[in-house]
Amino acid sequence: NELEFERAGIIVSVPNNEVARLMCYLHCICIVIDCNNDANIQCYINYNNWYQLSIDEQKVLIDLCYAFGPDMCHNKVFFQFDGLCPYASNEFYEIQRIRHQFLVAGSILIAGQQRCINRIMAFKI
């Protein structure tokens, strides 16, 4: 397969707050595994409204981020590839064709549900 990705991200500003950063991380997960339309997760990914989360909701957020941790995502939907991040520390790409070079699966099993992978996130350190 040919390497064929289309840049699909935008530049965002994340509030300087640990809860907001966790929410942004979860939002990134939702972008790549197509769960942004899941009503149950919306309050946990709106990082600009981080201050609206109750303590109990913050605990749920931490559990979600742990469940979708970097170990689960690295080299599956998140790839360290500096060349794909010319303008920011990370970039999202729509997958035009699944290719062996990145070993991108068509879907991922999360909490017993198959989730479609239609984007990847490249990042640089």
PDB file of N, CA and C in Angstrom:
ATOM      1  N   ASN A   1       0.827  -1.193   0.000  1.00  0.00           N
ATOM      2  CA  ASN A   1       0.000   0.000   0.000  1.00  0.00           C
ATOM      3  C   ASN A   1       0.868   1.252   0.000  1.00  0.00           C
ATOM      4  N   GLU A   2       0.371   2.281  -0.619  1.00  0.00           N
ATOM      5  CA  GLU A   2       1.069   3.560  -0.658  1.00  0.00           C
ATOM      6  C   GLU A   2       0.845   4.311   0.646  1.00  0.00           C
ATOM      7  N   LEU A   3       1.820   5.143   1.002  1.00  0.00           N
ATOM      8  CA  LEU A   3       1.680   6.015   2.156  1.00  0.00           C
ATOM      9  C   LEU A   3       0.817   7.185   1.730  1.00  0.00           C
ATOM     10  N   GLU A   4      -0.402   7.249   2.218  1.00  0.00           N
ATOM     11  CA  GLU A   4      -1.322   8.283   1.778  1.00  0.00           C
ATOM     12  C   GLU A   4      -2.158   8.774   2.956  1.00  0.00           C
ATOM     13  N   PHE A   5      -1.748   9.902   3.524  1.00  0.00           N
ATOM     14  CA  PHE A   5      -2.460  10.527   4.629  1.00  0.00           C
ATOM     15  C   PHE A   5      -2.819  11.938   4.224  1.00  0.00           C
ATOM     16  N   GLU A   6      -3.881  12.450   4.793  1.00  0.00           N
ATOM     17  CA  GLU A   6      -4.261  13.839   4.580  1.00  0.00           C
ATOM     18  C   GLU A   6      -4.334  14.525   5.934  1.00  0.00           C
ATOM     19  N   ARG A   7      -3.598  15.627   6.085  1.00  0.00           N
ATOM     20  CA  ARG A   7      -3.585  16.350   7.356  1.00  0.00           C
ATOM     21  C   ARG A   7      -5.011  16.777   7.688  1.00  0.00           C
ATOM     22  N   ALA A   8      -5.414  16.554   8.940  1.00  0.00           N
ATOM     23  CA  ALA A   8      -6.801  16.817   9.330  1.00  0.00           C
ATOM     24  C   ALA A   8      -6.902  17.564  10.649  1.00  0.00           C
ATOM     25  N   GLY A   9      -5.817  18.100  11.140  1.00  0.00           N
ATOM     26  CA  GLY A   9      -5.845  18.757  12.443  1.00  0.00           C
ATOM     27  C   GLY A   9      -5.935  20.261  12.345  1.00  0.00           C
ATOM     28  N   ILE A  10      -6.138  20.874  13.492  1.00  0.00           N
ATOM     29  CA  ILE A  10      -6.143  22.324  13.616  1.00  0.00           C
ATOM     30  C   ILE A  10      -5.283  22.691  14.818  1.00  0.00           C
ATOM     31  N   ILE A  11      -4.832  23.925  14.864  1.00  0.00           N
ATOM     32  CA  ILE A  11      -4.064  24.411  16.008  1.00  0.00           C
ATOM     33  C   ILE A  11      -5.054  24.783  17.107  1.00  0.00           C
ATOM     34  N   VAL A  12      -4.818  24.288  18.303  1.00  0.00           N
ATOM     35  CA  VAL A  12      -5.694  24.596  19.436  1.00  0.00           C
ATOM     36  C   VAL A  12      -4.869  25.159  20.585  1.00  0.00           C
ATOM     37  N   SER A  13      -5.556  25.814  21.481  1.00  0.00           N
ATOM     38  CA  SER A  13      -4.933  26.330  22.690  1.00  0.00           C
ATOM     39  C   SER A  13      -5.586  25.635  23.875  1.00  0.00           C
ATOM     40  N   VAL A  14      -4.787  24.921  24.638  1.00  0.00           N
ATOM     41  CA  VAL A  14      -5.295  24.174  25.790  1.00  0.00           C
ATOM     42  C   VAL A  14      -4.991  24.979  27.050  1.00  0.00           C
ATOM     43  N   PRO A  15      -5.995  25.188  27.899  1.00  0.00           N
ATOM     44  CA  PRO A  15      -5.743  25.920  29.147  1.00  0.00           C
ATOM     45  C   PRO A  15      -4.610  25.284  29.952  1.00  0.00           C
ATOM     46  N   ASN A  16      -3.875  26.113  30.656  1.00  0.00           N
ATOM     47  CA  ASN A  16      -2.747  25.659  31.467  1.00  0.00           C
ATOM     48  C   ASN A  16      -3.272  25.077  32.779  1.00  0.00           C
ATOM     49  N   ASN A  17      -3.840  23.885  32.676  1.00  0.00           N
ATOM     50  CA  ASN A  17      -4.452  23.219  33.816  1.00  0.00           C
ATOM     51  C   ASN A  17      -4.338  21.713  33.598  1.00  0.00           C
ATOM     52  N   GLU A  18      -4.029  20.970  34.644  1.00  0.00           N
ATOM     53  CA  GLU A  18      -3.848  19.517  34.506  1.00  0.00           C
ATOM     54  C   GLU A  18      -5.117  18.808  34.058  1.00  0.00           C
ATOM     55  N   VAL A  19      -6.274  19.233  34.578  1.00  0.00           N
ATOM     56  CA  VAL A  19      -7.544  18.616  34.175  1.00  0.00           C
ATOM     57  C   VAL A  19      -7.792  18.896  32.694  1.00  0.00           C
ATOM     58  N   ALA A  20      -7.553  20.131  32.265  1.00  0.00           N
ATOM     59  CA  ALA A  20      -7.740  20.489  30.853  1.00  0.00           C
ATOM     60  C   ALA A  20      -6.825  19.657  29.959  1.00  0.00           C
ATOM     61  N   ARG A  21      -5.598  19.430  30.395  1.00  0.00           N
ATOM     62  CA  ARG A  21      -4.660  18.621  29.594  1.00  0.00           C
ATOM     63  C   ARG A  21      -5.129  17.173  29.476  1.00  0.00           C
ATOM     64  N   LEU A  22      -5.644  16.623  30.561  1.00  0.00           N
ATOM     65  CA  LEU A  22      -6.192  15.260  30.494  1.00  0.00           C
ATOM     66  C   LEU A  22      -7.389  15.211  29.553  1.00  0.00           C
ATOM     67  N   MET A  23      -8.234  16.231  29.629  1.00  0.00           N
ATOM     68  CA  MET A  23      -9.397  16.286  28.743  1.00  0.00           C
ATOM     69  C   MET A  23      -8.960  16.391  27.286  1.00  0.00           C
ATOM     70  N   CYS A  24      -7.916  17.165  27.030  1.00  0.00           N
ATOM     71  CA  CYS A  24      -7.390  17.288  25.669  1.00  0.00           C
ATOM     72  C   CYS A  24      -6.839  15.944  25.189  1.00  0.00           C
ATOM     73  N   TYR A  25      -6.134  15.234  26.063  1.00  0.00           N
ATOM     74  CA  TYR A  25      -5.619  13.910  25.713  1.00  0.00           C
ATOM     75  C   TYR A  25      -6.772  12.977  25.326  1.00  0.00           C
ATOM     76  N   LEU A  26      -7.819  12.968  26.148  1.00  0.00           N
ATOM     77  CA  LEU A  26      -8.972  12.120  25.848  1.00  0.00           C
ATOM     78  C   LEU A  26      -9.644  12.559  24.549  1.00  0.00           C
ATOM     79  N   HIS A  27      -9.679  13.857  24.309  1.00  0.00           N
ATOM     80  CA  HIS A  27     -10.233  14.367  23.052  1.00  0.00           C
ATOM     81  C   HIS A  27      -9.432  13.838  21.864  1.00  0.00           C
ATOM     82  N   CYS A  28      -8.114  13.807  21.991  1.00  0.00           N
ATOM     83  CA  CYS A  28      -7.265  13.250  20.928  1.00  0.00           C
ATOM     84  C   CYS A  28      -7.597  11.781  20.677  1.00  0.00           C
ATOM     85  N   ILE A  29      -7.808  11.039  21.746  1.00  0.00           N
ATOM     86  CA  ILE A  29      -8.204   9.632  21.610  1.00  0.00           C
ATOM     87  C   ILE A  29      -9.510   9.542  20.829  1.00  0.00           C
ATOM     88  N   CYS A  30     -10.467  10.370  21.212  1.00  0.00           N
ATOM     89  CA  CYS A  30     -11.782  10.324  20.564  1.00  0.00           C
ATOM     90  C   CYS A  30     -11.715  10.706  19.095  1.00  0.00           C
ATOM     91  N   ILE A  31     -10.787  11.568  18.734  1.00  0.00           N
ATOM     92  CA  ILE A  31     -10.628  11.932  17.326  1.00  0.00           C
ATOM     93  C   ILE A  31     -10.170  10.723  16.514  1.00  0.00           C
ATOM     94  N   VAL A  32      -9.206   9.983  17.012  1.00  0.00           N
ATOM     95  CA  VAL A  32      -8.649   8.889  16.212  1.00  0.00           C
ATOM     96  C   VAL A  32      -9.502   7.627  16.231  1.00  0.00           C
ATOM     97  N   ILE A  33     -10.280   7.406  17.288  1.00  0.00           N
ATOM     98  CA  ILE A  33     -11.095   6.181  17.326  1.00  0.00           C
ATOM     99  C   ILE A  33     -12.577   6.462  17.116  1.00  0.00           C
ATOM    100  N   ASP A  34     -12.891   7.666  16.681  1.00  0.00           N
ATOM    101  CA  ASP A  34     -14.251   8.001  16.267  1.00  0.00           C
ATOM    102  C   ASP A  34     -15.277   7.812  17.379  1.00  0.00           C
ATOM    103  N   CYS A  35     -15.050   8.465  18.516  1.00  0.00           N
ATOM    104  CA  CYS A  35     -16.056   8.424  19.588  1.00  0.00           C
ATOM    105  C   CYS A  35     -16.496   9.823  20.004  1.00  0.00           C
ATOM    106  N   ASN A  36     -16.204  10.840  19.181  1.00  0.00           N
ATOM    107  CA  ASN A  36     -16.605  12.210  19.499  1.00  0.00           C
ATOM    108  C   ASN A  36     -18.114  12.382  19.577  1.00  0.00           C
ATOM    109  N   ASN A  37     -18.862  11.542  18.900  1.00  0.00           N
ATOM    110  CA  ASN A  37     -20.319  11.671  18.903  1.00  0.00           C
ATOM    111  C   ASN A  37     -20.982  10.884  20.017  1.00  0.00           C
ATOM    112  N   ASP A  38     -20.203  10.254  20.868  1.00  0.00           N
ATOM    113  CA  ASP A  38     -20.727   9.501  22.003  1.00  0.00           C
ATOM    114  C   ASP A  38     -21.133  10.488  23.093  1.00  0.00           C
ATOM    115  N   ALA A  39     -22.429  10.615  23.340  1.00  0.00           N
ATOM    116  CA  ALA A  39     -22.947  11.608  24.291  1.00  0.00           C
ATOM    117  C   ALA A  39     -22.376  11.427  25.691  1.00  0.00           C
ATOM    118  N   ASN A  40     -22.059  10.199  26.068  1.00  0.00           N
ATOM    119  CA  ASN A  40     -21.543   9.936  27.412  1.00  0.00           C
ATOM    120  C   ASN A  40     -20.142  10.485  27.638  1.00  0.00           C
ATOM    121  N   ILE A  41     -19.436  10.798  26.582  1.00  0.00           N
ATOM    122  CA  ILE A  41     -18.050  11.238  26.739  1.00  0.00           C
ATOM    123  C   ILE A  41     -17.877  12.739  26.511  1.00  0.00           C
ATOM    124  N   GLN A  42     -18.886  13.407  26.008  1.00  0.00           N
ATOM    125  CA  GLN A  42     -18.774  14.819  25.642  1.00  0.00           C
ATOM    126  C   GLN A  42     -18.277  15.714  26.772  1.00  0.00           C
ATOM    127  N   CYS A  43     -18.774  15.529  27.978  1.00  0.00           N
ATOM    128  CA  CYS A  43     -18.363  16.411  29.079  1.00  0.00           C
ATOM    129  C   CYS A  43     -16.901  16.204  29.458  1.00  0.00           C
ATOM    130  N   TYR A  44     -16.313  15.084  29.066  1.00  0.00           N
ATOM    131  CA  TYR A  44     -14.922  14.784  29.422  1.00  0.00           C
ATOM    132  C   TYR A  44     -13.908  15.239  28.378  1.00  0.00           C
ATOM    133  N   ILE A  45     -14.381  15.718  27.226  1.00  0.00           N
ATOM    134  CA  ILE A  45     -13.447  16.116  26.170  1.00  0.00           C
ATOM    135  C   ILE A  45     -13.510  17.601  25.834  1.00  0.00           C
ATOM    136  N   ASN A  46     -14.393  18.339  26.465  1.00  0.00           N
ATOM    137  CA  ASN A  46     -14.503  19.777  26.227  1.00  0.00           C
ATOM    138  C   ASN A  46     -13.527  20.505  27.147  1.00  0.00           C
ATOM    139  N   TYR A  47     -12.250  20.464  26.796  1.00  0.00           N
ATOM    140  CA  TYR A  47     -11.184  20.934  27.690  1.00  0.00           C
ATOM    141  C   TYR A  47     -11.237  22.427  27.989  1.00  0.00           C
ATOM    142  N   ASN A  48     -11.909  23.215  27.162  1.00  0.00           N
ATOM    143  CA  ASN A  48     -12.044  24.641  27.479  1.00  0.00           C
ATOM    144  C   ASN A  48     -12.995  24.884  28.645  1.00  0.00           C
ATOM    145  N   ASN A  49     -13.796  23.895  28.970  1.00  0.00           N
ATOM    146  CA  ASN A  49     -14.708  23.989  30.118  1.00  0.00           C
ATOM    147  C   ASN A  49     -14.279  23.047  31.239  1.00  0.00           C
ATOM    148  N   TRP A  50     -12.995  22.859  31.399  1.00  0.00           N
ATOM    149  CA  TRP A  50     -12.447  21.938  32.393  1.00  0.00           C
ATOM    150  C   TRP A  50     -12.953  22.234  33.797  1.00  0.00           C
ATOM    151  N   TYR A  51     -13.171  23.487  34.105  1.00  0.00           N
ATOM    152  CA  TYR A  51     -13.581  23.906  35.450  1.00  0.00           C
ATOM    153  C   TYR A  51     -15.005  23.469  35.797  1.00  0.00           C
ATOM    154  N   GLN A  52     -15.771  23.010  34.830  1.00  0.00           N
ATOM    155  CA  GLN A  52     -17.138  22.564  35.088  1.00  0.00           C
ATOM    156  C   GLN A  52     -17.213  21.123  35.584  1.00  0.00           C
ATOM    157  N   LEU A  53     -16.115  20.381  35.502  1.00  0.00           N
ATOM    158  CA  LEU A  53     -16.136  18.994  35.966  1.00  0.00           C
ATOM    159  C   LEU A  53     -16.143  18.944  37.488  1.00  0.00           C
ATOM    160  N   SER A  54     -17.041  18.137  38.012  1.00  0.00           N
ATOM    161  CA  SER A  54     -17.063  17.910  39.459  1.00  0.00           C
ATOM    162  C   SER A  54     -15.877  17.019  39.836  1.00  0.00           C
ATOM    163  N   ILE A  55     -15.620  16.901  41.109  1.00  0.00           N
ATOM    164  CA  ILE A  55     -14.541  16.018  41.583  1.00  0.00           C
ATOM    165  C   ILE A  55     -14.803  14.586  41.124  1.00  0.00           C
ATOM    166  N   ASP A  56     -16.050  14.127  41.229  1.00  0.00           N
ATOM    167  CA  ASP A  56     -16.381  12.769  40.779  1.00  0.00           C
ATOM    168  C   ASP A  56     -16.146  12.614  39.277  1.00  0.00           C
ATOM    169  N   GLU A  57     -16.501  13.633  38.495  1.00  0.00           N
ATOM    170  CA  GLU A  57     -16.267  13.571  37.050  1.00  0.00           C
ATOM    171  C   GLU A  57     -14.770  13.595  36.739  1.00  0.00           C
ATOM    172  N   GLN A  58     -13.999  14.323  37.534  1.00  0.00           N
ATOM    173  CA  GLN A  58     -12.547  14.325  37.348  1.00  0.00           C
ATOM    174  C   GLN A  58     -11.967  12.935  37.607  1.00  0.00           C
ATOM    175  N   LYS A  59     -12.521  12.233  38.579  1.00  0.00           N
ATOM    176  CA  LYS A  59     -12.074  10.860  38.850  1.00  0.00           C
ATOM    177  C   LYS A  59     -12.390   9.949  37.669  1.00  0.00           C
ATOM    178  N   VAL A  60     -13.573  10.122  37.078  1.00  0.00           N
ATOM    179  CA  VAL A  60     -13.940   9.342  35.891  1.00  0.00           C
ATOM    180  C   VAL A  60     -12.986   9.672  34.745  1.00  0.00           C
ATOM    181  N   LEU A  61     -12.674  10.955  34.582  1.00  0.00           N
ATOM    182  CA  LEU A  61     -11.732  11.383  33.545  1.00  0.00           C
ATOM    183  C   LEU A  61     -10.382  10.686  33.713  1.00  0.00           C
ATOM    184  N   ILE A  62      -9.886  10.654  34.927  1.00  0.00           N
ATOM    185  CA  ILE A  62      -8.604   9.988  35.194  1.00  0.00           C
ATOM    186  C   ILE A  62      -8.691   8.510  34.839  1.00  0.00           C
ATOM    187  N   ASP A  63      -9.792   7.862  35.210  1.00  0.00           N
ATOM    188  CA  ASP A  63      -9.975   6.447  34.871  1.00  0.00           C
ATOM    189  C   ASP A  63     -10.011   6.241  33.357  1.00  0.00           C
ATOM    190  N   LEU A  64     -10.709   7.131  32.644  1.00  0.00           N
ATOM    191  CA  LEU A  64     -10.778   7.023  31.185  1.00  0.00           C
ATOM    192  C   LEU A  64      -9.398   7.200  30.551  1.00  0.00           C
ATOM    193  N   CYS A  65      -8.670   8.195  31.023  1.00  0.00           N
ATOM    194  CA  CYS A  65      -7.322   8.434  30.479  1.00  0.00           C
ATOM    195  C   CYS A  65      -6.394   7.260  30.782  1.00  0.00           C
ATOM    196  N   TYR A  66      -6.562   6.653  31.940  1.00  0.00           N
ATOM    197  CA  TYR A  66      -5.768   5.472  32.277  1.00  0.00           C
ATOM    198  C   TYR A  66      -6.134   4.305  31.355  1.00  0.00           C
ATOM    199  N   ALA A  67      -7.445   4.120  31.139  1.00  0.00           N
ATOM    200  CA  ALA A  67      -7.908   3.023  30.277  1.00  0.00           C
ATOM    201  C   ALA A  67      -7.424   3.202  28.841  1.00  0.00           C
ATOM    202  N   PHE A  68      -7.360   4.451  28.385  1.00  0.00           N
ATOM    203  CA  PHE A  68      -6.904   4.765  27.032  1.00  0.00           C
ATOM    204  C   PHE A  68      -5.471   5.285  27.067  1.00  0.00           C
ATOM    205  N   GLY A  69      -4.665   4.717  27.939  1.00  0.00           N
ATOM    206  CA  GLY A  69      -3.308   5.207  28.161  1.00  0.00           C
ATOM    207  C   GLY A  69      -2.404   5.100  26.952  1.00  0.00           C
ATOM    208  N   PRO A  70      -1.272   5.773  27.025  1.00  0.00           N
ATOM    209  CA  PRO A  70      -0.319   5.754  25.914  1.00  0.00           C
ATOM    210  C   PRO A  70       0.116   4.349  25.503  1.00  0.00           C
ATOM    211  N   ASP A  71       0.221   3.427  26.450  1.00  0.00           N
ATOM    212  CA  ASP A  71       0.619   2.057  26.098  1.00  0.00           C
ATOM    213  C   ASP A  71      -0.380   1.408  25.149  1.00  0.00           C
ATOM    214  N   MET A  72      -1.666   1.722  25.331  1.00  0.00           N
ATOM    215  CA  MET A  72      -2.689   1.158  24.463  1.00  0.00           C
ATOM    216  C   MET A  72      -2.655   1.804  23.083  1.00  0.00           C
ATOM    217  N   CYS A  73      -2.277   3.070  23.010  1.00  0.00           N
ATOM    218  CA  CYS A  73      -2.386   3.836  21.766  1.00  0.00           C
ATOM    219  C   CYS A  73      -1.101   3.900  20.948  1.00  0.00           C
ATOM    220  N   HIS A  74       0.046   3.820  21.628  1.00  0.00           N
ATOM    221  CA  HIS A  74       1.323   3.995  20.932  1.00  0.00           C
ATOM    222  C   HIS A  74       1.518   2.915  19.873  1.00  0.00           C
ATOM    223  N   ASN A  75       1.845   3.358  18.691  1.00  0.00           N
ATOM    224  CA  ASN A  75       2.056   2.503  17.521  1.00  0.00           C
ATOM    225  C   ASN A  75       0.801   1.758  17.082  1.00  0.00           C
ATOM    226  N   LYS A  76      -0.346   2.234  17.539  1.00  0.00           N
ATOM    227  CA  LYS A  76      -1.631   1.727  17.044  1.00  0.00           C
ATOM    228  C   LYS A  76      -2.415   2.870  16.418  1.00  0.00           C
ATOM    229  N   VAL A  77      -2.542   3.968  17.151  1.00  0.00           N
ATOM    230  CA  VAL A  77      -3.217   5.161  16.637  1.00  0.00           C
ATOM    231  C   VAL A  77      -2.382   6.423  16.847  1.00  0.00           C
ATOM    232  N   PHE A  78      -1.397   6.374  17.747  1.00  0.00           N
ATOM    233  CA  PHE A  78      -0.446   7.466  17.972  1.00  0.00           C
ATOM    234  C   PHE A  78       0.936   6.980  17.540  1.00  0.00           C
ATOM    235  N   PHE A  79       1.597   7.758  16.688  1.00  0.00           N
ATOM    236  CA  PHE A  79       2.898   7.363  16.166  1.00  0.00           C
ATOM    237  C   PHE A  79       3.897   8.498  16.334  1.00  0.00           C
ATOM    238  N   GLN A  80       5.072   8.189  16.875  1.00  0.00           N
ATOM    239  CA  GLN A  80       6.122   9.199  16.930  1.00  0.00           C
ATOM    240  C   GLN A  80       6.737   9.288  15.545  1.00  0.00           C
ATOM    241  N   PHE A  81       6.530  10.421  14.902  1.00  0.00           N
ATOM    242  CA  PHE A  81       7.030  10.632  13.551  1.00  0.00           C
ATOM    243  C   PHE A  81       7.188  12.136  13.356  1.00  0.00           C
ATOM    244  N   ASP A  82       8.374  12.635  13.689  1.00  0.00           N
ATOM    245  CA  ASP A  82       8.631  14.077  13.653  1.00  0.00           C
ATOM    246  C   ASP A  82       8.318  14.703  12.298  1.00  0.00           C
ATOM    247  N   GLY A  83       8.595  13.988  11.229  1.00  0.00           N
ATOM    248  CA  GLY A  83       8.386  14.521   9.887  1.00  0.00           C
ATOM    249  C   GLY A  83       6.939  14.834   9.560  1.00  0.00           C
ATOM    250  N   LEU A  84       6.005  14.234  10.271  1.00  0.00           N
ATOM    251  CA  LEU A  84       4.588  14.516  10.040  1.00  0.00           C
ATOM    252  C   LEU A  84       4.066  15.650  10.921  1.00  0.00           C
ATOM    253  N   CYS A  85       4.957  16.276  11.698  1.00  0.00           N
ATOM    254  CA  CYS A  85       4.552  17.348  12.622  1.00  0.00           C
ATOM    255  C   CYS A  85       5.354  18.622  12.354  1.00  0.00           C
ATOM    256  N   PRO A  86       5.215  19.211  11.169  1.00  0.00           N
ATOM    257  CA  PRO A  86       6.047  20.375  10.858  1.00  0.00           C
ATOM    258  C   PRO A  86       5.648  21.657  11.590  1.00  0.00           C
ATOM    259  N   TYR A  87       4.401  21.765  12.029  1.00  0.00           N
ATOM    260  CA  TYR A  87       3.908  23.027  12.583  1.00  0.00           C
ATOM    261  C   TYR A  87       3.522  22.959  14.055  1.00  0.00           C
ATOM    262  N   ALA A  88       3.478  21.790  14.620  1.00  0.00           N
ATOM    263  CA  ALA A  88       3.018  21.636  16.005  1.00  0.00           C
ATOM    264  C   ALA A  88       3.660  20.392  16.605  1.00  0.00           C
ATOM    265  N   SER A  89       3.409  20.174  17.886  1.00  0.00           N
ATOM    266  CA  SER A  89       3.979  18.995  18.547  1.00  0.00           C
ATOM    267  C   SER A  89       3.221  17.721  18.187  1.00  0.00           C
ATOM    268  N   ASN A  90       2.034  17.884  17.613  1.00  0.00           N
ATOM    269  CA  ASN A  90       1.296  16.728  17.113  1.00  0.00           C
ATOM    270  C   ASN A  90       0.423  17.165  15.943  1.00  0.00           C
ATOM    271  N   GLU A  91       0.070  16.212  15.106  1.00  0.00           N
ATOM    272  CA  GLU A  91      -0.790  16.453  13.945  1.00  0.00           C
ATOM    273  C   GLU A  91      -1.687  15.243  13.755  1.00  0.00           C
ATOM    274  N   PHE A  92      -2.923  15.498  13.331  1.00  0.00           N
ATOM    275  CA  PHE A  92      -3.849  14.421  13.005  1.00  0.00           C
ATOM    276  C   PHE A  92      -3.886  14.244  11.498  1.00  0.00           C
ATOM    277  N   TYR A  93      -4.029  12.993  11.096  1.00  0.00           N
ATOM    278  CA  TYR A  93      -4.097  12.666   9.680  1.00  0.00           C
ATOM    279  C   TYR A  93      -5.236  11.694   9.443  1.00  0.00           C
ATOM    280  N   GLU A  94      -6.047  12.002   8.412  1.00  0.00           N
ATOM    281  CA  GLU A  94      -7.062  11.051   7.979  1.00  0.00           C
ATOM    282  C   GLU A  94      -6.365   9.961   7.187  1.00  0.00           C
ATOM    283  N   ILE A  95      -6.816   8.761   7.391  1.00  0.00           N
ATOM    284  CA  ILE A  95      -6.219   7.619   6.696  1.00  0.00           C
ATOM    285  C   ILE A  95      -6.949   7.436   5.374  1.00  0.00           C
ATOM    286  N   GLN A  96      -6.218   7.578   4.293  1.00  0.00           N
ATOM    287  CA  GLN A  96      -6.803   7.367   2.970  1.00  0.00           C
ATOM    288  C   GLN A  96      -6.746   5.890   2.586  1.00  0.00           C
ATOM    289  N   ARG A  97      -5.668   5.246   2.986  1.00  0.00           N
ATOM    290  CA  ARG A  97      -5.517   3.803   2.785  1.00  0.00           C
ATOM    291  C   ARG A  97      -4.792   3.252   3.997  1.00  0.00           C
ATOM    292  N   ILE A  98      -5.228   2.119   4.456  1.00  0.00           N
ATOM    293  CA  ILE A  98      -4.508   1.463   5.544  1.00  0.00           C
ATOM    294  C   ILE A  98      -3.206   0.928   4.960  1.00  0.00           C
ATOM    295  N   ARG A  99      -2.109   1.136   5.658  1.00  0.00           N
ATOM    296  CA  ARG A  99      -0.841   0.716   5.110  1.00  0.00           C
ATOM    297  C   ARG A  99       0.007  -0.006   6.144  1.00  0.00           C
ATOM    298  N   HIS A 100       0.808  -0.879   5.632  1.00  0.00           N
ATOM    299  CA  HIS A 100       1.659  -1.695   6.495  1.00  0.00           C
ATOM    300  C   HIS A 100       2.796  -0.902   7.122  1.00  0.00           C
ATOM    301  N   GLN A 101       3.189   0.221   6.526  1.00  0.00           N
ATOM    302  CA  GLN A 101       4.341   0.966   7.041  1.00  0.00           C
ATOM    303  C   GLN A 101       4.124   1.415   8.483  1.00  0.00           C
ATOM    304  N   PHE A 102       2.911   1.783   8.838  1.00  0.00           N
ATOM    305  CA  PHE A 102       2.605   2.198  10.202  1.00  0.00           C
ATOM    306  C   PHE A 102       1.858   1.131  10.979  1.00  0.00           C
ATOM    307  N   LEU A 103       1.509   0.032  10.339  1.00  0.00           N
ATOM    308  CA  LEU A 103       0.754  -1.039  10.985  1.00  0.00           C
ATOM    309  C   LEU A 103      -0.532  -0.519  11.622  1.00  0.00           C
ATOM    310  N   VAL A 104      -1.272   0.300  10.875  1.00  0.00           N
ATOM    311  CA  VAL A 104      -2.524   0.860  11.365  1.00  0.00           C
ATOM    312  C   VAL A 104      -3.628  -0.160  11.151  1.00  0.00           C
ATOM    313  N   ALA A 105      -4.283  -0.524  12.228  1.00  0.00           N
ATOM    314  CA  ALA A 105      -5.409  -1.456  12.137  1.00  0.00           C
ATOM    315  C   ALA A 105      -6.645  -0.702  11.660  1.00  0.00           C
ATOM    316  N   GLY A 106      -7.629  -1.417  11.163  1.00  0.00           N
ATOM    317  CA  GLY A 106      -8.876  -0.794  10.731  1.00  0.00           C
ATOM    318  C   GLY A 106      -9.786  -0.451  11.884  1.00  0.00           C
ATOM    319  N   SER A 107      -9.597  -1.165  13.002  1.00  0.00           N
ATOM    320  CA  SER A 107     -10.415  -0.906  14.187  1.00  0.00           C
ATOM    321  C   SER A 107      -9.630  -1.335  15.416  1.00  0.00           C
ATOM    322  N   ILE A 108     -10.149  -0.938  16.567  1.00  0.00           N
ATOM    323  CA  ILE A 108      -9.512  -1.276  17.836  1.00  0.00           C
ATOM    324  C   ILE A 108     -10.613  -1.660  18.816  1.00  0.00           C
ATOM    325  N   LEU A 109     -10.363  -2.657  19.639  1.00  0.00           N
ATOM    326  CA  LEU A 109     -11.338  -3.122  20.623  1.00  0.00           C
ATOM    327  C   LEU A 109     -11.121  -2.364  21.924  1.00  0.00           C
ATOM    328  N   ILE A 110     -12.150  -1.641  22.358  1.00  0.00           N
ATOM    329  CA  ILE A 110     -12.077  -0.847  23.584  1.00  0.00           C
ATOM    330  C   ILE A 110     -13.317  -1.125  24.409  1.00  0.00           C
ATOM    331  N   ALA A 111     -13.113  -1.578  25.624  1.00  0.00           N
ATOM    332  CA  ALA A 111     -14.211  -1.869  26.550  1.00  0.00           C
ATOM    333  C   ALA A 111     -15.266  -2.748  25.894  1.00  0.00           C
ATOM    334  N   GLY A 112     -14.812  -3.737  25.143  1.00  0.00           N
ATOM    335  CA  GLY A 112     -15.728  -4.682  24.524  1.00  0.00           C
ATOM    336  C   GLY A 112     -16.411  -4.177  23.268  1.00  0.00           C
ATOM    337  N   GLN A 113     -16.070  -2.978  22.805  1.00  0.00           N
ATOM    338  CA  GLN A 113     -16.673  -2.421  21.595  1.00  0.00           C
ATOM    339  C   GLN A 113     -15.608  -2.221  20.531  1.00  0.00           C
ATOM    340  N   GLN A 114     -15.922  -2.595  19.300  1.00  0.00           N
ATOM    341  CA  GLN A 114     -15.044  -2.333  18.169  1.00  0.00           C
ATOM    342  C   GLN A 114     -15.208  -0.868  17.791  1.00  0.00           C
ATOM    343  N   ARG A 115     -14.108  -0.135  17.719  1.00  0.00           N
ATOM    344  CA  ARG A 115     -14.131   1.274  17.319  1.00  0.00           C
ATOM    345  C   ARG A 115     -13.325   1.424  16.039  1.00  0.00           C
ATOM    346  N   CYS A 116     -13.906   2.110  15.077  1.00  0.00           N
ATOM    347  CA  CYS A 116     -13.262   2.357  13.796  1.00  0.00           C
ATOM    348  C   CYS A 116     -12.111   3.346  13.973  1.00  0.00           C
ATOM    349  N   ILE A 117     -10.989   3.061  13.339  1.00  0.00           N
ATOM    350  CA  ILE A 117      -9.862   3.992  13.324  1.00  0.00           C
ATOM    351  C   ILE A 117      -9.877   4.678  11.967  1.00  0.00           C
ATOM    352  N   ASN A 118     -10.194   5.975  11.968  1.00  0.00           N
ATOM    353  CA  ASN A 118     -10.209   6.688  10.702  1.00  0.00           C
ATOM    354  C   ASN A 118      -9.174   7.803  10.645  1.00  0.00           C
ATOM    355  N   ARG A 119      -8.436   7.982  11.741  1.00  0.00           N
ATOM    356  CA  ARG A 119      -7.348   8.952  11.776  1.00  0.00           C
ATOM    357  C   ARG A 119      -6.233   8.397  12.645  1.00  0.00           C
ATOM    358  N   ILE A 120      -5.064   8.953  12.469  1.00  0.00           N
ATOM    359  CA  ILE A 120      -3.954   8.680  13.374  1.00  0.00           C
ATOM    360  C   ILE A 120      -3.461  10.017  13.899  1.00  0.00           C
ATOM    361  N   MET A 121      -2.697   9.981  14.962  1.00  0.00           N
ATOM    362  CA  MET A 121      -2.040  11.183  15.446  1.00  0.00           C
ATOM    363  C   MET A 121      -0.540  10.931  15.434  1.00  0.00           C
ATOM    364  N   ALA A 122       0.182  11.796  14.747  1.00  0.00           N
ATOM    365  CA  ALA A 122       1.643  11.758  14.779  1.00  0.00           C
ATOM    366  C   ALA A 122       2.096  12.768  15.818  1.00  0.00           C
ATOM    367  N   PHE A 123       3.180  12.453  16.518  1.00  0.00           N
ATOM    368  CA  PHE A 123       3.699  13.393  17.513  1.00  0.00           C
ATOM    369  C   PHE A 123       5.212  13.399  17.458  1.00  0.00           C
ATOM    370  N   LYS A 124       5.768  14.481  18.001  1.00  0.00           N
ATOM    371  CA  LYS A 124       7.220  14.546  18.117  1.00  0.00           C
ATOM    372  C   LYS A 124       7.578  14.857  19.555  1.00  0.00           C
ATOM    373  N   ILE A 125       8.747  14.395  19.931  1.00  0.00           N
ATOM    374  CA  ILE A 125       9.208  14.598  21.309  1.00  0.00           C
ATOM    375  C   ILE A 125      10.240  15.707  21.320  1.00  0.00           C
TER     376      ILE A 125
END
